[in-house]
């Protein structure tokens, strides 16, 4: 028998096993890299998708009352966003009154122009109504293609709900200048119609969000003659906020009995001190729409007399609440600022000064940095174009008198002002000392987050 060279065989086996180990190690590294890459991509996707909620957000979405005669549904159509609802539908009972105000932008969207046209039409006797809204695409500056999309979507809703096309109102919010993939909306109208429910208003509020970090809602109940009257509203808005006749997208519903003409009157005269008194970034949207719908389903008598006053007060409270929520959700906002101007020679001058301060990037960045830089307020007053006199001007941060009689107040404390600026809700007050006109505007600070959101908005 031949002598076995155990050492040589062991060496050969070791070499063979080493090669297998090297191969398996390489394969393991490939798998690990693939898994790590996938995990990193997943984390990046989640991080990008996750939007930090504004520190100014309310603790929770309010419990809104059921509005008899109004049903809601929402669904994900994949227009831009994935794995979230982006289309909502509201069906309103026969006899519903509808009022509205809209952006006066010369580049307003096809939806806005369509709503304006329909509100000017004679309402068919006993007709109901509907509102359909999508997020992710504003269908603005899309020419005849955009108009065709509006017609297709509203026509599809009219057919599904048995309504005249003239009573279907639509809104779109999102990126400007890209054709709306309306086929994705028309494909889900049947499901939306089947899902309509009185309890679906919160889902509707979530579906209309774009860069919003929280859904916005507000409500009120007043005692009418013969029973309660309920009001509930939802809104969306975070950036491109400097309303002109309306704001972003806002839908308010009530079961009150009230004529379209009176409803429009109440709405129009309360817009200026609510939605037109806010600004996030001084930019007016192409899509601003505010619709107010009264179903007439309350047991209370028609709104008039003392009830009309109570109803208007409640309506204004809801409008202001929603307007404030929009500012508190301003893109990247960390401070809510009330700019209070008094003593102006005219109402126009008061508005000019308030807007100049509220829109000033220098004022807003100083607020973000918690810097009581009152010189920036002086600058804003001076550039506003309003009548102002140096020696009559008074500037305060909250209760802290900052400047008066043409210079810094002798009682001014930089330390106290700096401590005040650390608060989340601030008041910048300016008295011009020239008259009795006043104006209050609400705004937010300007942070790095605003740039991050808008630099990446279309991706």
Protein backbone atom coordinates (compact mmCIF):
# COMPACT_ATOMS: atom_id res chain seq x y z
CA UNK A 1 0.00 0.00 0.00
CA UNK A 2 1.31 3.42 -0.96
CA UNK A 3 2.25 5.72 1.86
CA UNK A 4 -0.27 8.59 2.31
CA UNK A 5 1.15 12.15 2.46
CA UNK A 6 -1.22 13.46 5.13
CA UNK A 7 0.51 16.79 5.35
CA UNK A 8 0.17 17.44 1.60
CA UNK A 9 -3.51 16.46 1.62
CA UNK A 10 -4.23 18.64 4.62
CA UNK A 11 -2.50 21.56 2.97
CA UNK A 12 -4.50 21.05 -0.24
CA UNK A 13 -7.76 20.76 1.70
CA UNK A 14 -6.98 23.90 3.68
CA UNK A 15 -6.30 25.78 0.46
CA UNK A 16 -9.57 24.54 -1.05
CA UNK A 17 -11.57 25.48 2.05
CA UNK A 18 -9.93 28.91 2.17
CA UNK A 19 -11.09 29.61 -1.37
CA UNK A 20 -14.64 28.55 -0.46
CA UNK A 21 -14.56 30.77 2.63
CA UNK A 22 -13.33 33.70 0.52
CA UNK A 23 -16.13 33.12 -1.98
CA UNK A 24 -18.78 32.82 0.73
CA UNK A 25 -17.41 35.95 2.47
CA UNK A 26 -17.62 37.90 -0.79
CA UNK A 27 -21.19 36.71 -1.33
CA UNK A 28 -22.05 37.66 2.25
CA UNK A 29 -20.59 41.13 1.72
CA UNK A 30 -22.68 41.54 -1.43
CA UNK A 31 -25.84 40.55 0.43
CA UNK A 32 -24.95 42.81 3.36
CA UNK A 33 -24.35 45.74 1.01
CA UNK A 34 -27.63 45.07 -0.77
CA UNK A 35 -29.55 44.88 2.51
CA UNK A 36 -27.79 47.93 3.93
CA UNK A 37 -28.48 49.88 0.74
CA UNK A 38 -32.14 48.88 0.76
CA UNK A 39 -32.42 49.79 4.42
CA UNK A 40 -30.73 53.13 3.82
CA UNK A 41 -33.06 53.84 0.93
CA UNK A 42 -36.05 52.90 3.03
CA UNK A 43 -34.90 55.14 5.86
CA UNK A 44 -34.26 57.98 3.41
CA UNK A 45 -37.70 57.52 1.88
CA UNK A 46 -39.37 57.49 5.27
CA UNK A 47 -37.36 60.50 6.40
CA UNK A 48 -38.29 62.40 3.28
CA UNK A 49 -41.94 61.40 3.53
CA UNK A 50 -42.19 62.15 7.24
CA UNK A 51 -42.93 65.79 7.88
CA UNK A 52 -42.29 67.08 11.36
CA UNK A 53 -45.53 68.44 12.78
CA UNK A 54 -45.49 72.17 13.43
CA UNK A 55 -44.69 72.99 17.06
CA UNK A 56 -47.66 75.37 16.89
CA UNK A 57 -50.13 72.64 15.93
CA UNK A 58 -53.17 71.98 18.13
CA UNK A 59 -53.03 68.88 20.33
CA UNK A 60 -55.51 67.05 18.11
CA UNK A 61 -58.06 67.45 15.36
CA UNK A 62 -61.29 68.76 16.91
CA UNK A 63 -64.43 66.68 17.11
CA UNK A 64 -66.59 68.32 14.47
CA UNK A 65 -70.37 68.04 14.65
CA UNK A 66 -72.32 66.15 12.02
CA UNK A 67 -73.81 68.55 9.48
CA UNK A 68 -77.09 67.04 8.36
CA UNK A 69 -77.28 67.05 4.59
CA UNK A 70 -73.51 66.84 4.09
CA UNK A 71 -71.63 63.59 3.52
CA UNK A 72 -67.91 63.10 2.93
CA UNK A 73 -65.50 60.57 1.45
CA UNK A 74 -61.78 60.44 0.73
CA UNK A 75 -59.52 58.09 -1.20
CA UNK A 76 -55.98 57.68 -2.51
CA UNK A 77 -55.78 58.10 -6.28
CA UNK A 78 -51.97 58.35 -6.55
CA UNK A 79 -51.96 61.78 -8.21
CA UNK A 80 -48.61 62.65 -6.62
CA UNK A 81 -48.50 61.14 -3.17
CA UNK A 82 -48.29 57.44 -2.47
CA UNK A 83 -50.00 55.57 0.37
CA UNK A 84 -52.20 58.47 1.41
CA UNK A 85 -55.60 59.95 0.58
CA UNK A 86 -55.43 62.73 -2.01
CA UNK A 87 -59.01 63.16 -3.29
CA UNK A 88 -62.07 64.09 -1.27
CA UNK A 89 -65.74 64.36 -2.20
CA UNK A 90 -68.59 66.18 -0.46
CA UNK A 91 -72.24 65.55 -1.37
CA UNK A 92 -74.73 68.22 -0.29
CA UNK A 93 -78.50 67.78 0.07
CA UNK A 94 -81.09 69.27 -2.30
CA UNK A 95 -81.75 72.92 -1.50
CA UNK A 96 -78.22 73.63 -0.27
CA UNK A 97 -77.09 77.26 -0.57
CA UNK A 98 -73.49 77.80 -1.72
CA UNK A 99 -71.38 80.97 -1.42
CA UNK A 100 -67.73 81.50 -2.25
CA UNK A 101 -64.79 83.85 -2.49
CA UNK A 102 -61.68 83.24 -4.54
CA UNK A 103 -58.21 84.44 -5.38
CA UNK A 104 -58.01 87.48 -7.66
CA UNK A 105 -54.75 86.22 -9.15
CA UNK A 106 -54.62 86.85 -12.89
CA UNK A 107 -53.19 83.34 -13.28
CA UNK A 108 -55.90 81.64 -11.22
CA UNK A 109 -56.60 78.01 -11.99
CA UNK A 110 -59.27 76.48 -14.18
CA UNK A 111 -61.04 75.17 -11.06
CA UNK A 112 -61.33 78.67 -9.63
CA UNK A 113 -62.70 80.12 -12.85
CA UNK A 114 -65.15 77.23 -13.17
CA UNK A 115 -66.42 77.74 -9.60
CA UNK A 116 -66.84 81.46 -10.18
CA UNK A 117 -68.84 80.81 -13.34
CA UNK A 118 -71.08 78.26 -11.65
CA UNK A 119 -71.81 80.44 -8.63
CA UNK A 120 -73.05 83.16 -10.98
CA UNK A 121 -75.54 80.77 -12.61
CA UNK A 122 -79.19 80.42 -11.68
CA UNK A 123 -79.62 77.46 -9.34
CA UNK A 124 -82.01 74.74 -10.57
CA UNK A 125 -84.93 74.39 -8.16
CA UNK A 126 -84.22 71.90 -5.38
CA UNK A 127 -80.78 71.01 -6.71
CA UNK A 128 -78.18 69.50 -4.44
CA UNK A 129 -74.46 70.17 -4.86
CA UNK A 130 -71.05 68.53 -4.58
CA UNK A 131 -67.43 69.51 -4.07
CA UNK A 132 -64.49 67.43 -5.26
CA UNK A 133 -60.92 68.32 -4.36
CA UNK A 134 -57.54 66.82 -5.16
CA UNK A 135 -54.10 67.51 -3.73
CA UNK A 136 -50.70 67.08 -5.38
CA UNK A 137 -51.48 69.01 -8.58
CA UNK A 138 -53.05 72.49 -8.81
CA UNK A 139 -54.16 72.20 -12.45
CA UNK A 140 -53.15 75.86 -12.76
CA UNK A 141 -51.58 77.38 -15.89
CA UNK A 142 -52.43 74.27 -17.87
CA UNK A 143 -54.49 75.98 -20.59
CA UNK A 144 -57.29 74.20 -22.45
CA UNK A 145 -56.03 70.85 -21.17
CA UNK A 146 -56.70 72.06 -17.63
CA UNK A 147 -60.19 73.23 -18.52
CA UNK A 148 -60.93 69.84 -20.06
CA UNK A 149 -59.73 68.15 -16.86
CA UNK A 150 -62.10 70.27 -14.77
CA UNK A 151 -65.00 69.37 -17.06
CA UNK A 152 -64.15 65.66 -16.95
CA UNK A 153 -63.89 65.54 -13.14
CA UNK A 154 -66.99 67.62 -12.39
CA UNK A 155 -68.93 65.82 -15.12
CA UNK A 156 -68.00 62.47 -13.61
CA UNK A 157 -69.23 63.56 -10.18
CA UNK A 158 -72.45 64.96 -11.66
CA UNK A 159 -73.17 61.64 -13.34
CA UNK A 160 -72.34 59.56 -10.26
CA UNK A 161 -74.49 61.64 -7.91
CA UNK A 162 -77.28 62.60 -10.29
CA UNK A 163 -76.55 66.33 -10.11
CA UNK A 164 -76.55 69.11 -12.71
CA UNK A 165 -72.94 69.74 -13.80
CA UNK A 166 -73.42 73.38 -12.81
CA UNK A 167 -73.72 72.30 -9.17
CA UNK A 168 -70.44 70.42 -8.93
CA UNK A 169 -67.56 72.57 -7.68
CA UNK A 170 -63.94 71.52 -7.79
CA UNK A 171 -60.57 72.55 -6.42
CA UNK A 172 -57.03 71.39 -7.07
CA UNK A 173 -53.94 72.17 -5.03
CA UNK A 174 -50.29 71.35 -5.54
CA UNK A 175 -47.70 71.87 -8.25
CA UNK A 176 -48.44 74.58 -10.84
CA UNK A 177 -48.03 74.05 -14.58
CA UNK A 178 -48.32 70.27 -14.81
CA UNK A 179 -51.34 68.64 -16.50
CA UNK A 180 -53.71 67.05 -14.01
CA UNK A 181 -53.90 63.27 -14.46
CA UNK A 182 -57.66 63.53 -14.15
CA UNK A 183 -58.22 59.93 -15.26
CA UNK A 184 -56.93 58.88 -11.84
CA UNK A 185 -59.68 60.97 -10.25
CA UNK A 186 -62.51 59.90 -12.53
CA UNK A 187 -61.50 56.28 -11.93
CA UNK A 188 -62.25 56.57 -8.19
CA UNK A 189 -65.40 58.71 -8.29
CA UNK A 190 -67.64 55.64 -8.08
CA UNK A 191 -65.86 54.42 -4.97
CA UNK A 192 -65.99 57.88 -3.43
CA UNK A 193 -69.74 58.05 -4.03
CA UNK A 194 -70.18 54.64 -2.40
CA UNK A 195 -68.11 55.64 0.64
CA UNK A 196 -69.94 58.89 1.48
CA UNK A 197 -70.69 59.25 5.18
CA UNK A 198 -71.71 62.00 7.60
CA UNK A 199 -68.68 61.18 9.77
CA UNK A 200 -66.03 61.57 7.05
CA UNK A 201 -65.08 65.22 7.43
CA UNK A 202 -61.71 64.56 9.10
CA UNK A 203 -60.68 62.25 6.24
CA UNK A 204 -61.63 65.05 3.85
CA UNK A 205 -59.41 67.48 5.78
CA UNK A 206 -56.49 65.06 5.53
CA UNK A 207 -56.95 64.42 1.81
CA UNK A 208 -56.58 68.09 0.84
CA UNK A 209 -53.20 68.55 2.58
CA UNK A 210 -50.02 69.26 0.61
CA UNK A 211 -47.08 70.58 2.66
CA UNK A 212 -49.42 70.89 5.65
CA UNK A 213 -48.20 69.08 8.74
CA UNK A 214 -51.64 68.70 10.33
CA UNK A 215 -55.29 68.72 9.20
CA UNK A 216 -57.22 71.83 10.14
CA UNK A 217 -60.75 71.96 11.53
CA UNK A 218 -62.97 74.26 13.58
CA UNK A 219 -66.61 74.28 14.64
CA UNK A 220 -69.36 76.06 16.54
CA UNK A 221 -72.93 75.45 17.64
CA UNK A 222 -75.43 78.23 18.24
CA UNK A 223 -79.02 78.09 19.44
CA UNK A 224 -81.41 79.05 16.67
CA UNK A 225 -85.12 79.70 16.82
CA UNK A 226 -86.46 76.17 17.18
CA UNK A 227 -83.22 74.21 17.55
CA UNK A 228 -79.42 74.18 17.31
CA UNK A 229 -77.46 75.33 14.24
CA UNK A 230 -74.13 73.62 13.60
CA UNK A 231 -71.13 74.97 11.70
CA UNK A 232 -68.00 72.96 10.82
CA UNK A 233 -65.06 73.95 8.65
CA UNK A 234 -61.85 72.45 7.28
CA UNK A 235 -58.89 74.09 5.59
CA UNK A 236 -55.53 73.43 4.01
CA UNK A 237 -52.66 75.81 3.66
CA UNK A 238 -49.03 76.08 4.67
CA UNK A 239 -47.07 77.95 1.99
CA UNK A 240 -47.86 80.41 -0.79
CA UNK A 241 -50.01 82.22 1.73
CA UNK A 242 -50.90 85.87 1.20
CA UNK A 243 -54.60 85.70 0.43
CA UNK A 244 -56.43 88.09 -1.87
CA UNK A 245 -60.22 87.73 -1.36
CA UNK A 246 -59.93 84.18 0.03
CA UNK A 247 -57.26 81.77 1.11
CA UNK A 248 -55.78 78.43 0.16
CA UNK A 249 -58.59 75.88 0.26
CA UNK A 250 -61.33 76.27 2.88
CA UNK A 251 -64.70 74.53 3.08
CA UNK A 252 -67.25 75.49 5.72
CA UNK A 253 -70.55 73.65 6.19
CA UNK A 254 -73.64 74.49 8.21
CA UNK A 255 -77.12 73.05 8.56
CA UNK A 256 -78.60 76.57 8.80
CA UNK A 257 -81.53 77.68 6.67
CA UNK A 258 -80.25 80.72 4.79
CA UNK A 259 -80.56 82.02 1.23
CA UNK A 260 -77.56 82.04 -1.13
CA UNK A 261 -77.60 85.85 -1.26
CA UNK A 262 -77.50 86.24 2.54
CA UNK A 263 -74.91 83.50 2.86
CA UNK A 264 -72.69 85.28 0.34
CA UNK A 265 -73.14 88.60 2.17
CA UNK A 266 -72.06 87.12 5.50
CA UNK A 267 -69.08 85.39 3.95
CA UNK A 268 -67.82 88.35 1.95
CA UNK A 269 -67.91 90.86 4.78
CA UNK A 270 -65.92 88.62 7.14
CA UNK A 271 -63.12 87.61 4.80
CA UNK A 272 -61.07 90.78 5.15
CA UNK A 273 -60.49 90.48 8.91
CA UNK A 274 -59.84 86.74 8.83
CA UNK A 275 -58.39 85.04 5.78
CA UNK A 276 -57.20 88.26 4.18
CA UNK A 277 -55.41 89.19 7.40
CA UNK A 278 -52.83 86.38 7.33
CA UNK A 279 -49.54 85.91 5.53
CA UNK A 280 -46.83 83.27 5.60
CA UNK A 281 -44.58 84.27 2.72
CA UNK A 282 -46.33 87.17 0.89
CA UNK A 283 -47.22 84.95 -2.10
CA UNK A 284 -50.83 84.68 -3.30
CA UNK A 285 -51.87 81.29 -4.62
CA UNK A 286 -53.40 80.60 -8.03
CA UNK A 287 -55.92 78.30 -6.36
CA UNK A 288 -57.30 80.13 -3.30
CA UNK A 289 -60.89 79.01 -2.77
CA UNK A 290 -63.33 79.41 0.11
CA UNK A 291 -66.75 77.76 -0.19
CA UNK A 292 -69.50 78.11 2.41
CA UNK A 293 -72.42 75.68 2.13
CA UNK A 294 -75.71 75.74 4.06
CA UNK A 295 -77.79 72.57 3.79
CA UNK A 296 -80.90 73.92 5.54
CA UNK A 297 -81.31 70.67 7.51
CA UNK A 298 -81.34 72.20 11.01
CA UNK A 299 -84.71 72.17 12.83
CA UNK A 300 -84.14 75.88 13.55
CA UNK A 301 -86.02 78.55 11.63
CA UNK A 302 -84.41 80.58 8.86
CA UNK A 303 -81.42 82.63 9.99
CA UNK A 304 -82.50 86.23 10.57
CA UNK A 305 -82.67 88.90 13.28
CA UNK A 306 -80.81 88.05 16.50
CA UNK A 307 -80.03 84.57 15.19
CA UNK A 308 -78.32 86.12 12.17
CA UNK A 309 -76.03 88.13 14.45
CA UNK A 310 -75.13 85.07 16.50
CA UNK A 311 -74.60 83.01 13.36
CA UNK A 312 -72.31 85.63 11.82
CA UNK A 313 -70.27 85.90 15.02
CA UNK A 314 -69.83 82.11 15.12
CA UNK A 315 -68.95 82.00 11.43
CA UNK A 316 -66.30 84.68 11.86
CA UNK A 317 -64.83 82.83 14.85
CA UNK A 318 -64.46 79.68 12.76
CA UNK A 319 -62.96 81.60 9.84
CA UNK A 320 -60.41 83.26 12.13
CA UNK A 321 -59.61 79.96 13.86
CA UNK A 322 -58.91 78.26 10.53
CA UNK A 323 -56.90 81.26 9.31
CA UNK A 324 -54.73 81.14 12.43
CA UNK A 325 -54.19 77.40 12.01
CA UNK A 326 -52.91 78.01 8.49
CA UNK A 327 -50.33 80.50 9.80
CA UNK A 328 -49.36 78.15 12.63
CA UNK A 329 -48.69 75.52 9.98
CA UNK A 330 -46.67 77.94 7.86
CA UNK A 331 -43.85 76.05 6.17
CA UNK A 332 -41.11 75.75 8.78
CA UNK A 333 -42.91 78.01 11.26
CA UNK A 334 -41.88 77.99 14.91
CA UNK A 335 -43.44 81.32 16.00
CA UNK A 336 -46.95 82.75 15.61
CA UNK A 337 -46.86 86.53 15.36
CA UNK A 338 -49.65 89.07 15.69
CA UNK A 339 -48.80 92.40 14.07
CA UNK A 340 -51.04 95.06 15.60
CA UNK A 341 -51.07 98.51 14.02
CA UNK A 342 -53.01 101.39 15.57
CA UNK A 343 -53.14 105.16 15.24
CA UNK A 344 -52.94 105.23 11.44
CA UNK A 345 -54.32 108.18 9.49
CA UNK A 346 -56.36 105.86 7.24
CA UNK A 347 -57.42 102.23 7.13
CA UNK A 348 -55.33 101.82 3.98
CA UNK A 349 -52.23 103.11 5.78
CA UNK A 350 -52.84 100.77 8.71
CA UNK A 351 -53.03 97.82 6.32
CA UNK A 352 -49.87 98.91 4.48
CA UNK A 353 -47.83 99.08 7.68
CA UNK A 354 -49.17 95.80 9.06
CA UNK A 355 -48.44 93.92 5.84
CA UNK A 356 -45.00 95.50 5.45
CA UNK A 357 -44.00 94.25 8.89
CA UNK A 358 -45.66 90.84 8.56
CA UNK A 359 -44.16 90.18 5.12
CA UNK A 360 -40.63 91.46 5.82
CA UNK A 361 -38.05 88.66 5.54
CA UNK A 362 -35.79 90.64 7.86
CA UNK A 363 -38.44 90.94 10.55
CA UNK A 364 -39.43 87.29 10.16
CA UNK A 365 -35.84 85.99 10.37
CA UNK A 366 -35.18 88.14 13.44
CA UNK A 367 -38.23 86.53 15.05
CA UNK A 368 -36.92 83.09 14.09
CA UNK A 369 -33.61 83.95 15.73
CA UNK A 370 -35.39 85.29 18.82
CA UNK A 371 -33.64 88.61 18.26
CA UNK A 372 -35.56 91.75 19.43
CA UNK A 373 -34.20 93.71 16.47
CA UNK A 374 -36.74 96.53 16.54
CA UNK A 375 -34.76 98.41 13.90
CA UNK A 376 -36.20 96.01 11.34
CA UNK A 377 -39.71 97.05 12.38
CA UNK A 378 -38.71 100.70 11.91
CA UNK A 379 -37.45 99.78 8.43
CA UNK A 380 -40.70 98.03 7.53
CA UNK A 381 -42.82 101.00 8.64
CA UNK A 382 -40.67 103.34 6.58
CA UNK A 383 -40.84 101.29 3.39
CA UNK A 384 -44.60 100.66 3.62
CA UNK A 385 -45.62 103.82 1.78
CA UNK A 386 -47.97 104.82 4.61
CA UNK A 387 -47.89 108.19 6.30
CA UNK A 388 -45.60 107.97 9.34
CA UNK A 389 -43.76 110.50 11.52
CA UNK A 390 -40.64 109.52 13.38
CA UNK A 391 -41.38 111.35 16.63
CA UNK A 392 -44.96 110.04 16.92
CA UNK A 393 -44.12 106.38 16.35
CA UNK A 394 -44.35 103.87 19.22
CA UNK A 395 -43.14 100.26 18.89
CA UNK A 396 -43.75 97.52 21.45
CA UNK A 397 -42.92 93.81 21.71
CA UNK A 398 -45.78 92.48 23.80
CA UNK A 399 -45.98 94.77 26.84
CA UNK A 400 -42.41 95.97 26.40
CA UNK A 401 -42.19 99.51 25.04
CA UNK A 402 -39.26 99.46 22.64
CA UNK A 403 -39.21 102.83 20.90
CA UNK A 404 -40.99 106.19 21.22
CA UNK A 405 -40.46 109.89 20.47
CA UNK A 406 -38.08 109.21 17.65
CA UNK A 407 -35.68 106.88 19.45
CA UNK A 408 -35.31 103.90 21.76
CA UNK A 409 -37.42 104.18 24.91
CA UNK A 410 -35.41 105.10 28.04
CA UNK A 411 -37.17 102.23 29.84
CA UNK A 412 -36.25 99.67 27.17
CA UNK A 413 -34.53 96.50 28.40
CA UNK A 414 -32.74 94.37 25.83
CA UNK A 415 -32.68 91.45 28.27
CA UNK A 416 -36.44 91.60 28.82
CA UNK A 417 -37.11 91.90 25.08
CA UNK A 418 -34.81 88.97 24.31
CA UNK A 419 -36.60 86.85 26.92
CA UNK A 420 -39.97 87.80 25.41
CA UNK A 421 -38.86 86.75 21.92
CA UNK A 422 -38.32 83.18 23.14
CA UNK A 423 -42.09 82.70 23.37
CA UNK A 424 -44.01 80.81 20.68
CA UNK A 425 -46.76 83.43 20.32
CA UNK A 426 -45.66 87.04 19.98
CA UNK A 427 -47.19 90.48 19.45
CA UNK A 428 -45.46 93.27 17.55
CA UNK A 429 -47.41 96.47 18.12
CA UNK A 430 -46.95 99.76 16.27
CA UNK A 431 -48.85 102.97 17.03
CA UNK A 432 -48.41 105.62 14.35
CA UNK A 433 -49.95 108.38 16.45
CA UNK A 434 -51.67 109.98 13.47
CA UNK A 435 -55.32 108.89 13.63
CA UNK A 436 -57.75 106.21 14.68
CA UNK A 437 -57.42 103.58 11.95
CA UNK A 438 -56.09 100.14 12.89
CA UNK A 439 -55.28 96.78 11.35
CA UNK A 440 -54.20 93.42 12.74
CA UNK A 441 -52.39 90.84 10.64
CA UNK A 442 -51.07 87.43 11.66
CA UNK A 443 -47.85 85.89 10.35
CA UNK A 444 -45.08 83.46 11.31
CA UNK A 445 -41.32 83.45 11.38
CA UNK A 446 -39.04 82.45 8.49
CA UNK A 447 -36.72 79.52 9.16
CA UNK A 448 -34.31 77.28 7.24
CA UNK A 449 -37.07 74.70 7.03
CA UNK A 450 -39.06 76.96 4.70
CA UNK A 451 -36.18 76.89 2.22
CA UNK A 452 -35.77 73.12 2.54
CA UNK A 453 -39.47 72.50 1.84
CA UNK A 454 -39.67 74.77 -1.16
CA UNK A 455 -36.33 73.85 -2.68
CA UNK A 456 -37.54 70.24 -2.78
CA UNK A 457 -41.24 70.87 -3.47
CA UNK A 458 -41.50 69.26 -6.93
CA UNK A 459 -39.45 66.14 -6.20
